[in-house]
């Protein structure tokens, strides 16, 4: 755990919160080979006020992934390994090196195929050209595209978290036989935590919550646009929209947010729990998302979810039962749902109960079991 490190109390509070957010429980950390310095350097610089440009952030992220990929390929592989699993942007050299050593290669692809992401980002750039520089997949360099393609080709098996990701791969010509859909899991809070949630929710000031990167790719400008068009009469004038996460929009955009939209920055999970318990619903207006972990997290706290059809999580949503699905990049449709739900909070409460049951049926233990079951025949052969 981060707070057990020497000199912990001497660190600035902002760094303490960031390190806490990225720390692992001791029971898990004992089975990991950590390389914290590159990750901490990346996290610190990317949040520094000296480096606000999206170009710098992209270059820093590229360096981060490349370092990890090359380090694992050169120092952590050996002959006789049965299988090697690597994650998308940090996978290319690792999987190629593993194949040369005779290992079975598995690619974890958490987001959609890069061609689909680029197409949807281009569409958004045409709709909102002022956000072009923040839509990172519009102008991807050739070397990055080649790395992504080589990783997909080098994988014997590709694990994807949703049917949405699977379809994007099939559309790009990846053979169906290489794909396995295994939904991600959620950690379910204790029953007392959910009971506390009922006490913290205030029907006189209902909170709609978003957690994640505050960026155009997540459709936050559509969410704010819809929010600003809510009626100015009761009960809508009592509601608040809370945004939690790293801000990628320009400072002037953030400063133009209305008083009913509150931005809280990046929070460690220990603090984030309070926000889940305080909210009436969770909204995720993403333009592209393979399968949102934070959406599952919100459902585990008993929050009904309002998502777009490009979130991946729609595989688990029954509209009107445990959440609602709206078209991406259509703020007017989002507005109508927000308007109806804020005027009918009991519906949100009952849908939240169903959402929690859905999350409990998709635990991380279920995910691990499905991964083991999926990989066993390939490793035995």
Protein backbone atom coordinates (compact mmCIF):
# COMPACT_ATOMS: atom_id res chain seq x y z
CA UNK A 1 0.00 0.00 0.00
CA UNK A 2 1.22 3.49 -0.88
CA UNK A 3 0.68 4.96 2.61
CA UNK A 4 3.20 2.48 4.07
CA UNK A 5 6.09 3.94 2.05
CA UNK A 6 8.91 5.80 3.88
CA UNK A 7 8.44 9.56 3.81
CA UNK A 8 4.78 9.22 2.87
CA UNK A 9 3.65 12.14 5.06
CA UNK A 10 6.22 14.46 3.47
CA UNK A 11 4.59 14.21 0.02
CA UNK A 12 2.20 16.94 -1.15
CA UNK A 13 -1.43 15.99 -0.60
CA UNK A 14 -2.12 15.94 -4.35
CA UNK A 15 0.59 13.29 -4.87
CA UNK A 16 -0.63 11.30 -1.88
CA UNK A 17 -4.10 11.11 -3.40
CA UNK A 18 -2.72 10.05 -6.79
CA UNK A 19 -0.50 7.32 -5.29
CA UNK A 20 -3.35 6.04 -3.13
CA UNK A 21 -5.51 5.80 -6.24
CA UNK A 22 -2.89 3.57 -7.88
CA UNK A 23 -1.86 1.42 -4.90
CA UNK A 24 -2.54 -2.31 -4.59
CA UNK A 25 -3.59 -4.27 -1.48
CA UNK A 26 -0.66 -6.12 0.10
CA UNK A 27 -2.27 -9.49 -0.69
CA UNK A 28 -2.18 -8.70 -4.42
CA UNK A 29 1.09 -6.75 -4.48
CA UNK A 30 3.00 -9.76 -3.17
CA UNK A 31 2.36 -11.55 -6.49
CA UNK A 32 3.42 -8.63 -8.69
CA UNK A 33 6.75 -7.47 -10.03
CA UNK A 34 6.39 -3.70 -9.58
CA UNK A 35 8.03 -0.98 -11.64
CA UNK A 36 6.48 2.06 -9.97
CA UNK A 37 8.86 4.83 -11.01
CA UNK A 38 7.89 5.09 -14.72
CA UNK A 39 4.21 4.97 -13.80
CA UNK A 40 4.54 7.55 -11.05
CA UNK A 41 6.63 9.82 -13.29
CA UNK A 42 3.98 9.53 -16.02
CA UNK A 43 1.13 10.22 -13.57
CA UNK A 44 2.88 13.20 -11.98
CA UNK A 45 3.92 14.90 -15.22
CA UNK A 46 0.60 14.41 -16.97
CA UNK A 47 -1.16 16.27 -14.15
CA UNK A 48 1.41 19.03 -13.91
CA UNK A 49 0.27 22.56 -14.78
CA UNK A 50 3.46 22.92 -16.85
CA UNK A 51 2.30 20.33 -19.40
CA UNK A 52 -1.30 21.03 -20.36
CA UNK A 53 -0.98 20.40 -24.09
CA UNK A 54 -2.67 17.28 -25.40
CA UNK A 55 0.33 16.68 -27.68
CA UNK A 56 2.65 16.34 -24.70
CA UNK A 57 0.20 14.05 -22.95
CA UNK A 58 0.04 11.76 -25.98
CA UNK A 59 3.84 11.61 -26.30
CA UNK A 60 4.20 10.88 -22.60
CA UNK A 61 1.63 8.08 -22.79
CA UNK A 62 3.41 6.63 -25.83
CA UNK A 63 6.73 6.61 -23.96
CA UNK A 64 5.08 4.98 -20.96
CA UNK A 65 3.63 2.08 -22.96
CA UNK A 66 6.75 1.60 -25.06
CA UNK A 67 8.98 1.43 -21.98
CA UNK A 68 6.84 -1.25 -20.36
CA UNK A 69 6.53 -3.26 -23.58
CA UNK A 70 10.27 -3.30 -24.25
CA UNK A 71 11.18 -3.91 -20.62
CA UNK A 72 8.95 -6.99 -20.39
CA UNK A 73 10.10 -8.29 -23.79
CA UNK A 74 13.78 -7.96 -22.82
CA UNK A 75 13.76 -8.88 -19.12
CA UNK A 76 10.67 -10.89 -18.11
CA UNK A 77 10.30 -13.60 -20.76
CA UNK A 78 12.05 -16.94 -20.81
CA UNK A 79 11.82 -20.24 -22.71
CA UNK A 80 9.25 -22.63 -21.32
CA UNK A 81 6.54 -20.09 -20.49
CA UNK A 82 3.20 -21.67 -21.33
CA UNK A 83 1.49 -18.41 -22.17
CA UNK A 84 2.00 -14.67 -22.14
CA UNK A 85 -0.83 -12.14 -21.76
CA UNK A 86 -0.27 -8.50 -22.72
CA UNK A 87 -2.51 -5.45 -22.94
CA UNK A 88 -3.10 -3.57 -26.21
CA UNK A 89 -0.64 -0.64 -26.45
CA UNK A 90 2.03 -2.35 -24.32
CA UNK A 91 1.81 -5.67 -26.15
CA UNK A 92 3.60 -5.65 -29.50
CA UNK A 93 7.21 -6.43 -28.65
CA UNK A 94 6.18 -8.63 -25.73
CA UNK A 95 3.96 -10.88 -27.87
CA UNK A 96 6.46 -11.06 -30.74
CA UNK A 97 9.24 -12.05 -28.32
CA UNK A 98 6.94 -14.63 -26.69
CA UNK A 99 6.14 -16.22 -30.05
CA UNK A 100 9.85 -16.58 -30.80
CA UNK A 101 10.18 -18.48 -27.51
CA UNK A 102 7.30 -20.80 -28.34
CA UNK A 103 4.80 -19.38 -25.85
CA UNK A 104 1.07 -19.13 -26.48
CA UNK A 105 0.23 -15.44 -26.97
CA UNK A 106 -2.88 -13.72 -25.64
CA UNK A 107 -3.84 -10.09 -26.24
CA UNK A 108 -6.12 -8.27 -23.84
CA UNK A 109 -8.01 -5.69 -25.94
CA UNK A 110 -10.01 -3.47 -23.55
CA UNK A 111 -11.20 -0.97 -26.16
CA UNK A 112 -12.55 -1.12 -29.68
CA UNK A 113 -10.44 -1.86 -32.74
CA UNK A 114 -8.40 1.22 -33.62
CA UNK A 115 -10.11 1.62 -37.01
CA UNK A 116 -13.55 1.92 -35.39
CA UNK A 117 -12.24 4.31 -32.75
CA UNK A 118 -10.60 6.49 -35.42
CA UNK A 119 -13.81 6.56 -37.50
CA UNK A 120 -15.97 7.64 -34.54
CA UNK A 121 -13.40 10.22 -33.44
CA UNK A 122 -13.34 11.67 -36.96
CA UNK A 123 -17.13 11.94 -36.93
CA UNK A 124 -16.98 13.81 -33.64
CA UNK A 125 -14.22 16.12 -34.95
CA UNK A 126 -16.49 17.03 -37.86
CA UNK A 127 -19.36 17.73 -35.46
CA UNK A 128 -17.18 19.65 -32.97
CA UNK A 129 -13.96 20.76 -34.70
CA UNK A 130 -12.90 22.75 -31.63
CA UNK A 131 -12.13 19.43 -29.93
CA UNK A 132 -9.99 18.00 -32.74
CA UNK A 133 -6.72 18.06 -30.77
CA UNK A 134 -8.32 16.18 -27.87
CA UNK A 135 -9.70 13.35 -30.03
CA UNK A 136 -6.49 11.35 -29.98
CA UNK A 137 -7.33 8.72 -32.59
CA UNK A 138 -8.01 11.19 -35.40
CA UNK A 139 -4.36 11.81 -36.14
CA UNK A 140 -2.65 8.62 -35.00
CA UNK A 141 0.89 8.28 -36.30
CA UNK A 142 1.68 5.44 -38.71
CA UNK A 143 4.13 3.78 -36.32
CA UNK A 144 1.41 3.45 -33.67
CA UNK A 145 -1.05 1.94 -36.14
CA UNK A 146 1.60 -0.57 -37.22
CA UNK A 147 2.23 -1.53 -33.58
CA UNK A 148 -1.46 -2.09 -33.00
CA UNK A 149 -1.74 -4.25 -36.13
CA UNK A 150 1.36 -6.29 -35.25
CA UNK A 151 0.01 -6.96 -31.75
CA UNK A 152 -3.31 -8.21 -33.16
CA UNK A 153 -1.48 -10.40 -35.67
CA UNK A 154 0.94 -11.79 -33.07
CA UNK A 155 -1.88 -12.88 -30.74
CA UNK A 156 -3.06 -16.49 -30.85
CA UNK A 157 -6.12 -15.42 -28.86
CA UNK A 158 -7.73 -12.01 -28.23
CA UNK A 159 -9.77 -11.41 -25.08
CA UNK A 160 -12.38 -8.65 -25.40
CA UNK A 161 -14.81 -7.41 -22.72
CA UNK A 162 -17.95 -6.82 -24.80
CA UNK A 163 -19.83 -7.65 -27.97
CA UNK A 164 -19.17 -4.08 -29.10
CA UNK A 165 -15.40 -4.66 -29.08
CA UNK A 166 -15.83 -8.07 -30.71
CA UNK A 167 -17.91 -6.59 -33.55
CA UNK A 168 -15.31 -3.87 -34.18
CA UNK A 169 -12.64 -6.58 -34.54
CA UNK A 170 -14.79 -8.66 -36.87
CA UNK A 171 -15.50 -5.57 -38.98
CA UNK A 172 -11.72 -5.10 -39.30
CA UNK A 173 -11.26 -8.64 -40.61
CA UNK A 174 -10.01 -10.40 -37.48
CA UNK A 175 -11.07 -14.07 -37.57
CA UNK A 176 -13.95 -14.99 -35.27
CA UNK A 177 -11.93 -17.97 -33.96
CA UNK A 178 -9.36 -15.65 -32.36
CA UNK A 179 -11.92 -13.72 -30.29
CA UNK A 180 -13.34 -14.52 -26.86
CA UNK A 181 -15.81 -12.20 -25.11
CA UNK A 182 -15.36 -12.13 -21.32
CA UNK A 183 -17.09 -9.22 -19.53
CA UNK A 184 -15.14 -7.42 -16.83
CA UNK A 185 -16.17 -7.68 -13.20
CA UNK A 186 -17.02 -5.39 -10.32
CA UNK A 187 -16.14 -5.40 -6.63
CA UNK A 188 -19.41 -5.37 -4.69
CA UNK A 189 -19.59 -3.19 -1.54
CA UNK A 190 -20.94 -4.61 1.69
CA UNK A 191 -24.64 -4.43 2.53
CA UNK A 192 -24.07 -1.79 5.27
CA UNK A 193 -22.42 0.44 2.65
CA UNK A 194 -25.57 0.26 0.51
CA UNK A 195 -27.80 0.98 3.52
CA UNK A 196 -25.69 4.07 4.22
CA UNK A 197 -26.29 5.13 0.62
CA UNK A 198 -30.03 5.40 1.28
CA UNK A 199 -29.30 7.77 4.17
CA UNK A 200 -26.94 10.00 2.16
CA UNK A 201 -29.14 10.47 -0.90
CA UNK A 202 -31.02 13.73 -0.75
CA UNK A 203 -34.26 13.86 -2.81
CA UNK A 204 -34.29 17.65 -2.42
CA UNK A 205 -30.91 17.96 -4.16
CA UNK A 206 -30.54 14.91 -6.43
CA UNK A 207 -27.03 14.25 -7.73
CA UNK A 208 -26.22 12.82 -11.16
CA UNK A 209 -22.67 11.46 -11.16
CA UNK A 210 -20.00 10.98 -13.82
CA UNK A 211 -16.61 9.41 -13.02
CA UNK A 212 -13.82 9.04 -15.57
CA UNK A 213 -11.68 11.14 -17.86
CA UNK A 214 -13.41 14.46 -18.51
CA UNK A 215 -12.72 14.48 -22.22
CA UNK A 216 -14.58 14.82 -25.55
CA UNK A 217 -14.18 11.08 -26.22
CA UNK A 218 -16.42 10.50 -23.20
CA UNK A 219 -19.04 12.91 -24.57
CA UNK A 220 -18.94 15.22 -21.55
CA UNK A 221 -19.67 18.29 -23.69
CA UNK A 222 -22.89 16.58 -24.83
CA UNK A 223 -23.77 15.86 -21.21
CA UNK A 224 -23.18 19.47 -20.13
CA UNK A 225 -25.07 20.75 -23.17
CA UNK A 226 -28.07 18.59 -22.27
CA UNK A 227 -27.82 19.58 -18.61
CA UNK A 228 -27.92 23.29 -19.41
CA UNK A 229 -31.20 22.78 -21.29
CA UNK A 230 -33.04 21.22 -18.35
CA UNK A 231 -36.09 23.22 -17.24
CA UNK A 232 -35.30 25.93 -14.71
CA UNK A 233 -38.32 25.02 -12.59
CA UNK A 234 -38.78 22.52 -9.76
CA UNK A 235 -37.60 19.71 -9.51
CA UNK A 236 -34.89 20.14 -12.18
CA UNK A 237 -33.48 23.36 -10.75
CA UNK A 238 -32.54 21.48 -7.56
CA UNK A 239 -30.39 18.84 -9.29
CA UNK A 240 -26.59 18.85 -9.53
CA UNK A 241 -24.23 17.17 -11.98
CA UNK A 242 -20.96 16.03 -10.38
CA UNK A 243 -17.90 15.36 -12.56
CA UNK A 244 -14.98 13.37 -11.12
CA UNK A 245 -11.78 12.63 -13.05
CA UNK A 246 -8.87 14.12 -14.96
CA UNK A 247 -9.86 17.26 -16.89
CA UNK A 248 -8.83 17.36 -20.56
CA UNK A 249 -11.02 20.22 -21.79
CA UNK A 250 -9.51 23.72 -22.05
CA UNK A 251 -9.55 25.89 -18.95
CA UNK A 252 -12.07 28.27 -20.51
CA UNK A 253 -14.50 25.37 -21.05
CA UNK A 254 -14.21 24.35 -17.41
CA UNK A 255 -14.68 27.94 -16.25
CA UNK A 256 -17.87 28.22 -18.33
CA UNK A 257 -19.61 25.38 -16.47
CA UNK A 258 -22.86 26.47 -14.81
CA UNK A 259 -23.09 26.48 -10.97
CA UNK A 260 -25.16 23.27 -10.99
CA UNK A 261 -22.23 21.39 -12.62
CA UNK A 262 -19.50 20.72 -10.05
CA UNK A 263 -16.01 19.44 -10.91
CA UNK A 264 -14.06 17.58 -8.20
CA UNK A 265 -10.86 16.51 -9.96
CA UNK A 266 -9.22 13.10 -9.54
CA UNK A 267 -10.10 11.19 -6.36
CA UNK A 268 -8.79 7.95 -4.79
CA UNK A 269 -11.37 5.21 -4.37
CA UNK A 270 -11.59 5.77 -0.61
CA UNK A 271 -13.06 9.22 -1.28
CA UNK A 272 -15.00 8.18 -4.37
CA UNK A 273 -17.21 5.84 -2.34
CA UNK A 274 -18.93 8.84 -0.77
CA UNK A 275 -19.84 10.16 -4.23
CA UNK A 276 -21.39 6.85 -5.27
CA UNK A 277 -23.47 6.76 -2.10
CA UNK A 278 -24.60 10.35 -2.53
CA UNK A 279 -25.74 10.04 -6.18
CA UNK A 280 -29.11 8.97 -7.56
CA UNK A 281 -27.85 7.85 -10.94
CA UNK A 282 -24.64 7.44 -12.92
CA UNK A 283 -24.32 8.83 -16.45
CA UNK A 284 -21.80 7.78 -19.11
CA UNK A 285 -22.30 9.58 -22.45
CA UNK A 286 -19.26 8.00 -24.15
CA UNK A 287 -18.61 8.27 -27.86
CA UNK A 288 -16.49 5.11 -27.64
CA UNK A 289 -15.82 2.74 -24.74
CA UNK A 290 -14.92 -0.95 -24.82
CA UNK A 291 -16.51 -1.72 -21.45
CA UNK A 292 -16.57 0.87 -18.72
CA UNK A 293 -15.22 -0.47 -15.43
CA UNK A 294 -16.41 2.62 -13.59
CA UNK A 295 -19.95 1.99 -14.84
CA UNK A 296 -19.89 -1.51 -13.32
CA UNK A 297 -18.46 0.02 -10.16
CA UNK A 298 -21.35 2.48 -9.97
CA UNK A 299 -23.86 -0.33 -10.50
CA UNK A 300 -22.26 -2.27 -7.63
CA UNK A 301 -23.14 0.67 -5.38
CA UNK A 302 -26.78 0.46 -6.43
CA UNK A 303 -26.78 3.25 -9.01
CA UNK A 304 -28.98 3.08 -12.06
CA UNK A 305 -26.91 3.92 -15.14
CA UNK A 306 -27.68 6.12 -18.12
CA UNK A 307 -25.29 5.19 -20.95
CA UNK A 308 -24.89 5.42 -24.71
CA UNK A 309 -24.93 2.43 -27.05
CA UNK A 310 -21.14 2.77 -27.45
CA UNK A 311 -20.17 1.92 -23.87
CA UNK A 312 -19.83 -1.86 -24.10
CA UNK A 313 -21.80 -2.15 -20.85
CA UNK A 314 -25.04 -2.22 -22.82
CA UNK A 315 -24.56 -6.01 -22.94
CA UNK A 316 -25.61 -5.98 -19.26
CA UNK A 317 -28.35 -3.33 -19.40
CA UNK A 318 -32.06 -4.02 -19.78
CA UNK A 319 -33.54 -0.59 -20.58
CA UNK A 320 -35.99 0.55 -17.92
CA UNK A 321 -34.97 -2.26 -15.54
CA UNK A 322 -31.39 -1.59 -14.40
CA UNK A 323 -30.54 1.43 -16.56
CA UNK A 324 -31.21 3.27 -19.78
CA UNK A 325 -29.46 3.44 -23.17
CA UNK A 326 -29.39 6.51 -25.40
CA UNK A 327 -27.76 7.16 -28.80
CA UNK A 328 -24.21 8.54 -28.67
CA UNK A 329 -23.54 12.13 -29.75
CA UNK A 330 -27.22 13.10 -29.45
CA UNK A 331 -27.56 15.51 -26.51
CA UNK A 332 -31.27 16.07 -27.17
CA UNK A 333 -32.02 12.39 -26.53
CA UNK A 334 -29.89 12.55 -23.39
CA UNK A 335 -31.80 15.64 -22.27
CA UNK A 336 -35.16 13.87 -22.50
CA UNK A 337 -33.98 10.96 -20.38
CA UNK A 338 -32.42 13.22 -17.76
CA UNK A 339 -35.59 15.31 -17.63
CA UNK A 340 -37.84 12.27 -17.09
CA UNK A 341 -35.59 10.53 -14.57
CA UNK A 342 -34.98 13.58 -12.39
CA UNK A 343 -38.75 14.03 -12.18
CA UNK A 344 -39.18 10.37 -11.14
CA UNK A 345 -36.50 9.56 -8.57
CA UNK A 346 -38.28 6.42 -7.24
CA UNK A 347 -37.70 4.86 -10.68
CA UNK A 348 -33.99 5.55 -10.29
CA UNK A 349 -34.00 3.91 -6.85
CA UNK A 350 -35.70 0.72 -8.06
CA UNK A 351 -33.46 0.52 -11.15
CA UNK A 352 -30.46 0.96 -8.86
CA UNK A 353 -31.49 -2.12 -6.89
CA UNK A 354 -31.56 -4.12 -10.13
CA UNK A 355 -28.24 -2.62 -11.21
CA UNK A 356 -26.60 -3.83 -8.01
CA UNK A 357 -27.92 -7.35 -8.63
CA UNK A 358 -26.47 -7.21 -12.14
CA UNK A 359 -23.08 -6.14 -10.81
CA UNK A 360 -23.11 -8.93 -8.20
CA UNK A 361 -23.61 -11.43 -11.01
CA UNK A 362 -20.44 -10.13 -12.70
CA UNK A 363 -17.76 -10.23 -10.02
CA UNK A 364 -14.01 -10.30 -10.58
CA UNK A 365 -14.03 -13.89 -9.36
CA UNK A 366 -16.47 -14.69 -12.19
CA UNK A 367 -14.13 -12.95 -14.63
CA UNK A 368 -11.10 -14.91 -13.40
CA UNK A 369 -13.06 -18.16 -13.65
CA UNK A 370 -14.10 -17.41 -17.23
CA UNK A 371 -10.52 -16.52 -18.19
CA UNK A 372 -9.19 -19.77 -16.67
CA UNK A 373 -11.92 -21.80 -18.38
CA UNK A 374 -11.32 -20.08 -21.72
CA UNK A 375 -7.54 -20.51 -21.67
CA UNK A 376 -7.35 -24.04 -20.29
CA UNK A 377 -8.00 -25.93 -23.60
CA UNK A 378 -5.43 -23.84 -25.47
CA UNK A 379 -2.74 -24.24 -22.85
CA UNK A 380 -3.33 -27.98 -22.56
CA UNK A 381 -2.95 -28.37 -26.32
